[in-house]
Amino acid sequence: MLNTKQEQFCQQYLVDHNASASAVRAGYSKKNARVIAAQLMAKPCIKARIGELKNERSERLGITQNNILAAFWDIANADIKNYMSFKPRKIIITDPATGLQTEKQEGVVVTFKDSDTIDTRNISEISVGKDGQCRIKLHQRVTALTQLARHINISATRADVTNDDEKYSDIITPIEIIEPHEYNSYNNE
């Protein structure tokens, strides 16, 4: 059975999963919080109580592993085309001497979709710069895939991929990374 401070520690641990801060909030000495937190977290009765509290919270909120995995799956499969469309801007140039018309691509036309018609949960940020340039940032695909991989026991390191080029050659595509200043200068041309 837990004493009052231990119970408070377990309750506080659910706030931010920071054991040292939880110990201080539960009334333990700030000076010894790290040591006390480590000792508390090593006790089976504390671990069990934290597990019980997490389960109670999950039931109360209706959170399941399947809900969480489904959300990660949505993030991992998010497509920017769900939020915007982009196509080349074409202009017609007429040669004044011959009257001959030619089509030329000049820039890109970007159209944002109406937020009332799309699922916006995978958007982490929308911003408009001083120059009027809009940006949509989706949640991190790599983070979502990493979390999914952990749940289904897949682990691949960079070495696994780079040391076996033949096995992964069909899915590894070199990309060019455009630095922000290059991107801005490209769009301002």
N, C-alpha and C. Protein backbone atom coordinates (compact mmCIF):
# COMPACT_ATOMS: atom_id res chain seq x y z
N MET A 1 0.84 -1.18 0.00
CA MET A 1 0.00 0.00 0.00
C MET A 1 0.89 1.25 0.00
N LEU A 2 0.46 2.26 -0.75
CA LEU A 2 1.26 3.47 -0.89
C LEU A 2 0.90 4.49 0.20
N ASN A 3 1.91 5.24 0.61
CA ASN A 3 1.61 6.35 1.52
C ASN A 3 1.12 7.55 0.69
N THR A 4 0.75 8.63 1.35
CA THR A 4 0.14 9.78 0.68
C THR A 4 1.08 10.40 -0.35
N LYS A 5 2.35 10.59 0.00
CA LYS A 5 3.32 11.19 -0.93
C LYS A 5 3.54 10.29 -2.15
N GLN A 6 3.61 8.98 -1.92
CA GLN A 6 3.82 8.05 -3.04
C GLN A 6 2.62 8.10 -4.00
N GLU A 7 1.42 8.13 -3.45
CA GLU A 7 0.22 8.22 -4.29
C GLU A 7 0.23 9.53 -5.08
N GLN A 8 0.59 10.61 -4.40
CA GLN A 8 0.65 11.91 -5.07
C GLN A 8 1.70 11.89 -6.17
N PHE A 9 2.84 11.24 -5.92
CA PHE A 9 3.88 11.09 -6.94
C PHE A 9 3.31 10.39 -8.17
N CYS A 10 2.59 9.30 -7.96
CA CYS A 10 2.01 8.55 -9.08
C CYS A 10 1.02 9.42 -9.86
N GLN A 11 0.18 10.17 -9.14
CA GLN A 11 -0.79 11.06 -9.80
C GLN A 11 -0.05 12.14 -10.60
N GLN A 12 0.98 12.70 -10.02
CA GLN A 12 1.73 13.77 -10.68
C GLN A 12 2.52 13.25 -11.88
N TYR A 13 2.95 12.00 -11.80
CA TYR A 13 3.73 11.42 -12.90
C TYR A 13 2.93 11.40 -14.20
N LEU A 14 1.63 11.22 -14.10
CA LEU A 14 0.79 11.20 -15.29
C LEU A 14 0.70 12.55 -15.97
N VAL A 15 1.03 13.62 -15.27
CA VAL A 15 0.94 14.96 -15.85
C VAL A 15 1.95 15.13 -16.99
N ASP A 16 3.21 14.76 -16.75
CA ASP A 16 4.23 15.01 -17.77
C ASP A 16 5.29 13.90 -17.89
N HIS A 17 5.12 12.82 -17.15
CA HIS A 17 6.06 11.70 -17.15
C HIS A 17 7.48 12.12 -16.79
N ASN A 18 7.60 13.17 -16.02
CA ASN A 18 8.89 13.63 -15.52
C ASN A 18 8.96 13.25 -14.05
N ALA A 19 9.73 12.21 -13.75
CA ALA A 19 9.76 11.66 -12.40
C ALA A 19 10.30 12.66 -11.38
N SER A 20 11.37 13.38 -11.72
CA SER A 20 11.95 14.35 -10.77
C SER A 20 10.96 15.46 -10.45
N ALA A 21 10.35 16.04 -11.48
CA ALA A 21 9.37 17.11 -11.27
C ALA A 21 8.17 16.59 -10.49
N SER A 22 7.78 15.34 -10.77
CA SER A 22 6.64 14.74 -10.05
C SER A 22 6.95 14.58 -8.57
N ALA A 23 8.18 14.22 -8.27
CA ALA A 23 8.58 14.06 -6.87
C ALA A 23 8.48 15.40 -6.13
N VAL A 24 8.94 16.47 -6.78
CA VAL A 24 8.88 17.80 -6.16
C VAL A 24 7.42 18.20 -5.96
N ARG A 25 6.58 18.02 -6.99
CA ARG A 25 5.17 18.39 -6.89
C ARG A 25 4.44 17.56 -5.83
N ALA A 26 4.94 16.35 -5.58
CA ALA A 26 4.32 15.48 -4.57
C ALA A 26 4.78 15.83 -3.15
N GLY A 27 5.74 16.77 -3.04
CA GLY A 27 6.17 17.21 -1.71
C GLY A 27 7.52 16.69 -1.27
N TYR A 28 8.23 15.99 -2.13
CA TYR A 28 9.57 15.53 -1.78
C TYR A 28 10.56 16.69 -1.94
N SER A 29 11.71 16.55 -1.33
CA SER A 29 12.76 17.58 -1.37
C SER A 29 13.23 17.83 -2.81
N LYS A 30 13.30 19.10 -3.18
CA LYS A 30 13.79 19.45 -4.52
C LYS A 30 15.27 19.06 -4.66
N LYS A 31 16.01 19.21 -3.57
CA LYS A 31 17.44 18.91 -3.57
C LYS A 31 17.70 17.43 -3.92
N ASN A 32 16.86 16.54 -3.43
CA ASN A 32 17.06 15.10 -3.63
C ASN A 32 16.06 14.50 -4.62
N ALA A 33 15.38 15.34 -5.38
CA ALA A 33 14.29 14.87 -6.24
C ALA A 33 14.72 13.78 -7.23
N ARG A 34 15.89 13.94 -7.84
CA ARG A 34 16.32 12.94 -8.83
C ARG A 34 16.53 11.57 -8.20
N VAL A 35 17.18 11.56 -7.06
CA VAL A 35 17.47 10.30 -6.37
C VAL A 35 16.17 9.67 -5.88
N ILE A 36 15.33 10.47 -5.27
CA ILE A 36 14.04 9.96 -4.75
C ILE A 36 13.19 9.45 -5.90
N ALA A 37 13.16 10.21 -7.01
CA ALA A 37 12.36 9.79 -8.16
C ALA A 37 12.84 8.44 -8.70
N ALA A 38 14.15 8.27 -8.79
CA ALA A 38 14.70 7.00 -9.27
C ALA A 38 14.33 5.85 -8.33
N GLN A 39 14.42 6.12 -7.04
CA GLN A 39 14.06 5.09 -6.06
C GLN A 39 12.58 4.73 -6.16
N LEU A 40 11.73 5.75 -6.30
CA LEU A 40 10.29 5.49 -6.41
C LEU A 40 9.98 4.70 -7.68
N MET A 41 10.57 5.10 -8.78
CA MET A 41 10.28 4.44 -10.07
C MET A 41 10.79 2.99 -10.09
N ALA A 42 11.71 2.65 -9.21
CA ALA A 42 12.23 1.29 -9.15
C ALA A 42 11.31 0.36 -8.36
N LYS A 43 10.39 0.93 -7.59
CA LYS A 43 9.51 0.11 -6.75
C LYS A 43 8.37 -0.49 -7.57
N PRO A 44 8.19 -1.80 -7.48
CA PRO A 44 7.10 -2.45 -8.23
C PRO A 44 5.71 -1.89 -7.90
N CYS A 45 5.49 -1.53 -6.63
CA CYS A 45 4.17 -1.00 -6.26
C CYS A 45 3.90 0.35 -6.92
N ILE A 46 4.93 1.15 -7.12
CA ILE A 46 4.78 2.46 -7.79
C ILE A 46 4.51 2.23 -9.28
N LYS A 47 5.29 1.35 -9.88
CA LYS A 47 5.07 1.03 -11.30
C LYS A 47 3.65 0.51 -11.53
N ALA A 48 3.21 -0.35 -10.64
CA ALA A 48 1.86 -0.93 -10.77
C ALA A 48 0.79 0.16 -10.64
N ARG A 49 0.98 1.07 -9.67
CA ARG A 49 -0.02 2.12 -9.46
C ARG A 49 -0.06 3.08 -10.66
N ILE A 50 1.10 3.42 -11.19
CA ILE A 50 1.14 4.28 -12.38
C ILE A 50 0.43 3.58 -13.55
N GLY A 51 0.66 2.29 -13.69
CA GLY A 51 -0.04 1.52 -14.72
C GLY A 51 -1.55 1.54 -14.54
N GLU A 52 -2.00 1.38 -13.29
CA GLU A 52 -3.44 1.43 -13.00
C GLU A 52 -4.02 2.80 -13.36
N LEU A 53 -3.32 3.85 -12.98
CA LEU A 53 -3.79 5.21 -13.26
C LEU A 53 -3.85 5.48 -14.76
N LYS A 54 -2.86 5.00 -15.49
CA LYS A 54 -2.87 5.17 -16.95
C LYS A 54 -4.05 4.43 -17.57
N ASN A 55 -4.29 3.21 -17.11
CA ASN A 55 -5.43 2.43 -17.63
C ASN A 55 -6.76 3.10 -17.32
N GLU A 56 -6.89 3.62 -16.10
CA GLU A 56 -8.13 4.32 -15.72
C GLU A 56 -8.35 5.54 -16.61
N ARG A 57 -7.27 6.29 -16.84
CA ARG A 57 -7.38 7.48 -17.68
C ARG A 57 -7.75 7.10 -19.11
N SER A 58 -7.12 6.06 -19.63
CA SER A 58 -7.41 5.61 -21.00
C SER A 58 -8.87 5.20 -21.14
N GLU A 59 -9.38 4.47 -20.15
CA GLU A 59 -10.79 4.05 -20.18
C GLU A 59 -11.71 5.26 -20.08
N ARG A 60 -11.38 6.18 -19.21
CA ARG A 60 -12.21 7.37 -19.01
C ARG A 60 -12.27 8.21 -20.30
N LEU A 61 -11.16 8.31 -21.00
CA LEU A 61 -11.09 9.12 -22.22
C LEU A 61 -11.43 8.33 -23.48
N GLY A 62 -11.55 7.02 -23.35
CA GLY A 62 -11.84 6.20 -24.53
C GLY A 62 -10.63 6.05 -25.45
N ILE A 63 -9.44 6.16 -24.89
CA ILE A 63 -8.21 6.04 -25.69
C ILE A 63 -7.80 4.57 -25.75
N THR A 64 -7.58 4.10 -26.96
CA THR A 64 -7.08 2.74 -27.13
C THR A 64 -5.81 2.77 -27.97
N GLN A 65 -5.07 1.69 -27.92
CA GLN A 65 -3.88 1.58 -28.77
C GLN A 65 -4.27 1.70 -30.24
N ASN A 66 -5.40 1.12 -30.59
CA ASN A 66 -5.85 1.18 -31.98
C ASN A 66 -6.12 2.62 -32.42
N ASN A 67 -6.72 3.44 -31.54
CA ASN A 67 -6.94 4.86 -31.87
C ASN A 67 -5.61 5.55 -32.16
N ILE A 68 -4.66 5.30 -31.30
CA ILE A 68 -3.36 5.96 -31.43
C ILE A 68 -2.64 5.50 -32.69
N LEU A 69 -2.65 4.20 -32.92
CA LEU A 69 -2.00 3.68 -34.13
C LEU A 69 -2.69 4.19 -35.39
N ALA A 70 -4.02 4.30 -35.36
CA ALA A 70 -4.75 4.83 -36.52
C ALA A 70 -4.35 6.28 -36.79
N ALA A 71 -4.17 7.06 -35.72
CA ALA A 71 -3.76 8.46 -35.90
C ALA A 71 -2.35 8.53 -36.50
N PHE A 72 -1.43 7.70 -36.01
CA PHE A 72 -0.09 7.65 -36.59
C PHE A 72 -0.15 7.23 -38.05
N TRP A 73 -1.01 6.27 -38.36
CA TRP A 73 -1.15 5.80 -39.74
C TRP A 73 -1.65 6.92 -40.65
N ASP A 74 -2.61 7.71 -40.16
CA ASP A 74 -3.11 8.85 -40.93
C ASP A 74 -2.00 9.85 -41.20
N ILE A 75 -1.19 10.13 -40.19
CA ILE A 75 -0.08 11.07 -40.36
C ILE A 75 0.93 10.52 -41.35
N ALA A 76 1.25 9.24 -41.23
CA ALA A 76 2.24 8.62 -42.11
C ALA A 76 1.78 8.62 -43.57
N ASN A 77 0.48 8.60 -43.79
CA ASN A 77 -0.05 8.55 -45.15
C ASN A 77 -0.61 9.87 -45.65
N ALA A 78 -0.40 10.93 -44.90
CA ALA A 78 -0.91 12.24 -45.31
C ALA A 78 -0.28 12.64 -46.64
N ASP A 79 -1.08 13.24 -47.47
CA ASP A 79 -0.63 13.69 -48.78
C ASP A 79 -0.94 15.17 -48.90
N ILE A 80 0.04 15.97 -49.25
CA ILE A 80 -0.15 17.41 -49.34
C ILE A 80 -1.26 17.76 -50.33
N LYS A 81 -1.52 16.87 -51.29
CA LYS A 81 -2.58 17.13 -52.26
C LYS A 81 -3.97 17.08 -51.62
N ASN A 82 -4.07 16.58 -50.39
CA ASN A 82 -5.34 16.63 -49.68
C ASN A 82 -5.67 18.05 -49.22
N TYR A 83 -4.67 18.94 -49.20
CA TYR A 83 -4.83 20.27 -48.65
C TYR A 83 -4.64 21.38 -49.68
N MET A 84 -3.97 21.07 -50.76
CA MET A 84 -3.69 22.07 -51.78
C MET A 84 -3.50 21.40 -53.13
N SER A 85 -3.65 22.17 -54.17
CA SER A 85 -3.32 21.65 -55.50
C SER A 85 -2.31 22.60 -56.12
N PHE A 86 -1.48 22.07 -56.97
CA PHE A 86 -0.48 22.90 -57.63
C PHE A 86 -0.30 22.38 -59.04
N LYS A 87 -0.15 23.33 -59.94
CA LYS A 87 0.05 22.98 -61.35
C LYS A 87 0.87 24.08 -62.00
N PRO A 88 1.52 23.76 -63.11
CA PRO A 88 2.32 24.77 -63.79
C PRO A 88 1.44 25.92 -64.29
N ARG A 89 1.96 27.13 -64.18
CA ARG A 89 1.28 28.29 -64.75
C ARG A 89 1.78 28.42 -66.19
N LYS A 90 0.86 28.36 -67.10
CA LYS A 90 1.22 28.44 -68.52
C LYS A 90 0.76 29.78 -69.07
N ILE A 91 1.64 30.38 -69.85
CA ILE A 91 1.28 31.63 -70.51
C ILE A 91 1.49 31.48 -72.02
N ILE A 92 0.76 32.26 -72.76
CA ILE A 92 0.88 32.22 -74.22
C ILE A 92 1.64 33.46 -74.65
N ILE A 93 2.69 33.24 -75.40
CA ILE A 93 3.51 34.34 -75.89
C ILE A 93 3.30 34.44 -77.40
N THR A 94 2.98 35.63 -77.84
CA THR A 94 2.77 35.86 -79.27
C THR A 94 3.97 36.62 -79.83
N ASP A 95 4.54 36.06 -80.87
CA ASP A 95 5.66 36.71 -81.55
C ASP A 95 5.08 37.86 -82.37
N PRO A 96 5.46 39.12 -82.07
CA PRO A 96 4.88 40.25 -82.78
C PRO A 96 5.19 40.27 -84.28
N ALA A 97 6.32 39.72 -84.65
CA ALA A 97 6.72 39.73 -86.07
C ALA A 97 5.92 38.71 -86.88
N THR A 98 5.70 37.53 -86.32
CA THR A 98 5.06 36.45 -87.10
C THR A 98 3.63 36.18 -86.65
N GLY A 99 3.28 36.64 -85.45
CA GLY A 99 1.95 36.34 -84.92
C GLY A 99 1.84 34.92 -84.39
N LEU A 100 2.95 34.18 -84.41
CA LEU A 100 2.98 32.80 -83.95
C LEU A 100 2.90 32.77 -82.42
N GLN A 101 2.03 31.90 -81.91
CA GLN A 101 1.86 31.78 -80.47
C GLN A 101 2.55 30.52 -79.95
N THR A 102 3.23 30.70 -78.81
CA THR A 102 3.86 29.55 -78.16
C THR A 102 3.47 29.56 -76.69
N GLU A 103 3.38 28.37 -76.15
CA GLU A 103 3.01 28.22 -74.74
C GLU A 103 4.29 28.05 -73.93
N LYS A 104 4.37 28.75 -72.81
CA LYS A 104 5.55 28.68 -71.97
C LYS A 104 5.10 28.49 -70.51
N GLN A 105 5.85 27.67 -69.79
CA GLN A 105 5.55 27.49 -68.36
C GLN A 105 6.28 28.57 -67.58
N GLU A 106 5.54 29.26 -66.72
CA GLU A 106 6.15 30.30 -65.90
C GLU A 106 5.61 30.20 -64.49
N GLY A 107 6.34 29.57 -63.61
CA GLY A 107 5.93 29.46 -62.22
C GLY A 107 4.91 28.36 -61.98
N VAL A 108 4.32 28.43 -60.81
CA VAL A 108 3.38 27.41 -60.37
C VAL A 108 2.16 28.10 -59.76
N VAL A 109 0.98 27.57 -60.03
CA VAL A 109 -0.25 28.05 -59.41
C VAL A 109 -0.59 27.10 -58.27
N VAL A 110 -0.71 27.67 -57.06
CA VAL A 110 -1.03 26.89 -55.87
C VAL A 110 -2.40 27.32 -55.38
N THR A 111 -3.27 26.34 -55.14
CA THR A 111 -4.61 26.62 -54.65
C THR A 111 -4.83 25.82 -53.38
N PHE A 112 -5.21 26.52 -52.30
CA PHE A 112 -5.51 25.85 -51.04
C PHE A 112 -6.97 25.41 -51.06
N LYS A 113 -7.21 24.24 -50.51
CA LYS A 113 -8.58 23.73 -50.45
C LYS A 113 -9.30 24.35 -49.25
N ASP A 114 -10.61 24.44 -49.35
CA ASP A 114 -11.44 25.03 -48.31
C ASP A 114 -11.36 24.17 -47.04
N SER A 115 -11.01 24.79 -45.92
CA SER A 115 -10.84 24.05 -44.66
C SER A 115 -12.14 23.40 -44.18
N ASP A 116 -13.29 23.88 -44.66
CA ASP A 116 -14.56 23.27 -44.28
C ASP A 116 -14.81 21.94 -44.99
N THR A 117 -14.01 21.66 -46.02
CA THR A 117 -14.24 20.45 -46.80
C THR A 117 -13.16 19.39 -46.64
N ILE A 118 -12.14 19.69 -45.82
CA ILE A 118 -11.03 18.74 -45.66
C ILE A 118 -10.83 18.40 -44.18
N ASP A 119 -10.16 17.28 -43.94
CA ASP A 119 -9.78 16.88 -42.58
C ASP A 119 -8.44 17.55 -42.27
N THR A 120 -8.44 18.47 -41.33
CA THR A 120 -7.25 19.26 -41.05
C THR A 120 -6.40 18.72 -39.90
N ARG A 121 -6.72 17.55 -39.38
CA ARG A 121 -6.00 17.03 -38.21
C ARG A 121 -4.52 16.79 -38.47
N ASN A 122 -4.13 16.54 -39.69
CA ASN A 122 -2.72 16.25 -39.98
C ASN A 122 -1.90 17.51 -40.25
N ILE A 123 -2.53 18.67 -40.18
CA ILE A 123 -1.81 19.93 -40.37
C ILE A 123 -1.30 20.38 -39.01
N SER A 124 0.01 20.59 -38.92
CA SER A 124 0.57 21.04 -37.65
C SER A 124 0.71 22.56 -37.62
N GLU A 125 0.79 23.18 -38.80
CA GLU A 125 1.01 24.63 -38.82
C GLU A 125 0.61 25.20 -40.16
N ILE A 126 0.00 26.38 -40.12
CA ILE A 126 -0.26 27.17 -41.32
C ILE A 126 0.27 28.56 -41.02
N SER A 127 1.06 29.10 -41.93
CA SER A 127 1.60 30.44 -41.68
C SER A 127 1.60 31.24 -42.98
N VAL A 128 1.56 32.55 -42.80
CA VAL A 128 1.63 33.47 -43.93
C VAL A 128 2.79 34.41 -43.65
N GLY A 129 3.75 34.44 -44.56
CA GLY A 129 4.93 35.28 -44.38
C GLY A 129 4.64 36.74 -44.68
N LYS A 130 5.61 37.60 -44.39
CA LYS A 130 5.47 39.04 -44.64
C LYS A 130 5.22 39.33 -46.11
N ASP A 131 5.78 38.46 -46.96
CA ASP A 131 5.62 38.65 -48.41
C ASP A 131 4.32 38.05 -48.93
N GLY A 132 3.48 37.54 -48.02
CA GLY A 132 2.19 36.95 -48.43
C GLY A 132 2.29 35.48 -48.79
N GLN A 133 3.48 34.93 -48.70
CA GLN A 133 3.68 33.53 -49.05
C GLN A 133 3.09 32.63 -47.96
N CYS A 134 2.21 31.72 -48.36
CA CYS A 134 1.55 30.80 -47.41
C CYS A 134 2.32 29.50 -47.34
N ARG A 135 2.31 28.90 -46.14
CA ARG A 135 2.97 27.61 -45.94
C ARG A 135 2.05 26.71 -45.13
N ILE A 136 2.00 25.46 -45.53
CA ILE A 136 1.29 24.43 -44.76
C ILE A 136 2.34 23.42 -44.33
N LYS A 137 2.35 23.12 -43.04
CA LYS A 137 3.29 22.13 -42.52
C LYS A 137 2.46 20.98 -41.95
N LEU A 138 2.73 19.78 -42.43
CA LEU A 138 2.05 18.60 -41.92
C LEU A 138 2.85 18.02 -40.76
N HIS A 139 2.20 17.21 -39.93
CA HIS A 139 2.91 16.53 -38.86
C HIS A 139 4.01 15.66 -39.47
N GLN A 140 5.02 15.37 -38.69
CA GLN A 140 6.20 14.66 -39.17
C GLN A 140 5.90 13.21 -39.54
N ARG A 141 6.04 12.89 -40.80
CA ARG A 141 5.81 11.54 -41.31
C ARG A 141 6.81 10.55 -40.70
N VAL A 142 8.07 10.94 -40.62
CA VAL A 142 9.10 10.04 -40.10
C VAL A 142 8.81 9.69 -38.64
N THR A 143 8.38 10.66 -37.86
CA THR A 143 8.06 10.40 -36.46
C THR A 143 6.91 9.40 -36.36
N ALA A 144 5.88 9.60 -37.18
CA ALA A 144 4.73 8.69 -37.16
C ALA A 144 5.16 7.28 -37.57
N LEU A 145 5.97 7.19 -38.61
CA LEU A 145 6.44 5.87 -39.06
C LEU A 145 7.31 5.20 -38.01
N THR A 146 8.12 6.00 -37.33
CA THR A 146 8.97 5.45 -36.26
C THR A 146 8.11 4.89 -35.13
N GLN A 147 7.09 5.64 -34.75
CA GLN A 147 6.19 5.17 -33.69
C GLN A 147 5.45 3.90 -34.13
N LEU A 148 5.00 3.86 -35.35
CA LEU A 148 4.33 2.66 -35.86
C LEU A 148 5.29 1.47 -35.86
N ALA A 149 6.51 1.71 -36.31
CA ALA A 149 7.50 0.64 -36.35
C ALA A 149 7.77 0.08 -34.96
N ARG A 150 7.82 0.93 -33.97
CA ARG A 150 8.04 0.48 -32.59
C ARG A 150 6.89 -0.42 -32.14
N HIS A 151 5.69 -0.07 -32.54
CA HIS A 151 4.53 -0.85 -32.10
C HIS A 151 4.44 -2.21 -32.78
N ILE A 152 5.03 -2.32 -33.96
CA ILE A 152 4.96 -3.62 -34.64
C ILE A 152 6.34 -4.28 -34.73
N ASN A 153 7.25 -3.81 -33.87
CA ASN A 153 8.57 -4.40 -33.72
C ASN A 153 9.39 -4.42 -35.00
N ILE A 154 9.36 -3.32 -35.72
CA ILE A 154 10.25 -3.16 -36.87
C ILE A 154 11.34 -2.20 -36.43
N SER A 155 12.58 -2.58 -36.69
CA SER A 155 13.66 -1.63 -36.41
C SER A 155 14.65 -1.70 -37.55
N ALA A 156 14.84 -0.56 -38.19
CA ALA A 156 15.82 -0.47 -39.27
C ALA A 156 16.65 0.77 -39.02
N THR A 157 17.94 0.60 -39.08
CA THR A 157 18.83 1.74 -38.91
C THR A 157 19.29 2.20 -40.28
N ARG A 158 19.90 3.36 -40.32
CA ARG A 158 20.44 3.86 -41.59
C ARG A 158 21.44 2.85 -42.15
N ALA A 159 22.20 2.20 -41.28
CA ALA A 159 23.18 1.20 -41.73
C ALA A 159 22.48 0.03 -42.41
N ASP A 160 21.31 -0.38 -41.90
CA ASP A 160 20.58 -1.47 -42.53
C ASP A 160 20.23 -1.13 -43.97
N VAL A 161 19.86 0.10 -44.20
CA VAL A 161 19.45 0.52 -45.54
C VAL A 161 20.65 0.74 -46.44
N THR A 162 21.68 1.44 -45.93
CA THR A 162 22.81 1.79 -46.79
C THR A 162 23.74 0.61 -47.04
N ASN A 163 23.77 -0.37 -46.17
CA ASN A 163 24.67 -1.51 -46.37
C ASN A 163 24.08 -2.57 -47.30
N ASP A 164 22.85 -2.43 -47.65
CA ASP A 164 22.21 -3.43 -48.48
C ASP A 164 21.53 -2.74 -49.67
N ASP A 165 22.36 -2.05 -50.48
CA ASP A 165 21.83 -1.22 -51.57
C ASP A 165 20.95 -2.00 -52.54
N GLU A 166 21.32 -3.22 -52.87
CA GLU A 166 20.52 -3.98 -53.83
C GLU A 166 19.12 -4.25 -53.32
N LYS A 167 19.01 -4.64 -52.04
CA LYS A 167 17.71 -4.96 -51.46
C LYS A 167 16.77 -3.76 -51.47
N TYR A 168 17.33 -2.55 -51.24
CA TYR A 168 16.50 -1.36 -51.10
C TYR A 168 16.58 -0.42 -52.30
N SER A 169 17.28 -0.80 -53.35
CA SER A 169 17.49 0.11 -54.46
C SER A 169 16.19 0.57 -55.12
N ASP A 170 15.14 -0.25 -55.06
CA ASP A 170 13.88 0.15 -55.69
C ASP A 170 13.11 1.17 -54.85
N ILE A 171 13.46 1.35 -53.57
CA ILE A 171 12.72 2.31 -52.77
C ILE A 171 13.56 3.50 -52.33
N ILE A 172 14.86 3.49 -52.59
CA ILE A 172 15.71 4.61 -52.22
C ILE A 172 15.83 5.53 -53.43
N THR A 173 15.41 6.75 -53.26
CA THR A 173 15.49 7.73 -54.33
C THR A 173 16.27 8.93 -53.83
N PRO A 174 17.33 9.30 -54.54
CA PRO A 174 18.05 10.48 -54.09
C PRO A 174 17.18 11.72 -54.24
N ILE A 175 17.27 12.63 -53.27
CA ILE A 175 16.49 13.85 -53.36
C ILE A 175 17.42 15.05 -53.22
N GLU A 176 16.99 16.16 -53.75
CA GLU A 176 17.75 17.39 -53.61
C GLU A 176 17.06 18.22 -52.54
N ILE A 177 17.81 18.64 -51.56
CA ILE A 177 17.24 19.45 -50.48
C ILE A 177 17.46 20.91 -50.85
N ILE A 178 16.37 21.65 -50.87
CA ILE A 178 16.44 23.07 -51.18
C ILE A 178 16.44 23.83 -49.87
N GLU A 179 17.47 24.60 -49.65
CA GLU A 179 17.56 25.39 -48.43
C GLU A 179 16.51 26.50 -48.48
N PRO A 180 16.05 26.97 -47.32
CA PRO A 180 14.99 27.99 -47.29
C PRO A 180 15.31 29.22 -48.12
N HIS A 181 16.56 29.72 -48.07
CA HIS A 181 16.87 30.92 -48.84
C HIS A 181 16.82 30.64 -50.33
N GLU A 182 17.19 29.42 -50.75
CA GLU A 182 17.09 29.06 -52.16
C GLU A 182 15.64 28.97 -52.59
N TYR A 183 14.81 28.41 -51.72
CA TYR A 183 13.39 28.26 -52.01
C TYR A 183 12.74 29.63 -52.20
N ASN A 184 13.06 30.57 -51.28
CA ASN A 184 12.48 31.90 -51.37
C ASN A 184 12.95 32.62 -52.62
N SER A 185 14.23 32.50 -52.96
CA SER A 185 14.71 33.19 -54.14
C SER A 185 14.11 32.58 -55.40
N TYR A 186 13.87 31.28 -55.39
CA TYR A 186 13.25 30.62 -56.54
C TYR A 186 11.84 31.16 -56.76
N ASN A 187 11.10 31.33 -55.66
CA ASN A 187 9.72 31.79 -55.78
C ASN A 187 9.61 33.27 -56.07
N ASN A 188 10.65 34.01 -55.78
CA ASN A 188 10.59 35.45 -56.01
C ASN A 188 11.07 35.85 -57.39
N GLU A 189 11.54 34.90 -58.17
CA GLU A 189 12.06 35.23 -59.50
C GLU A 189 10.96 35.68 -60.41
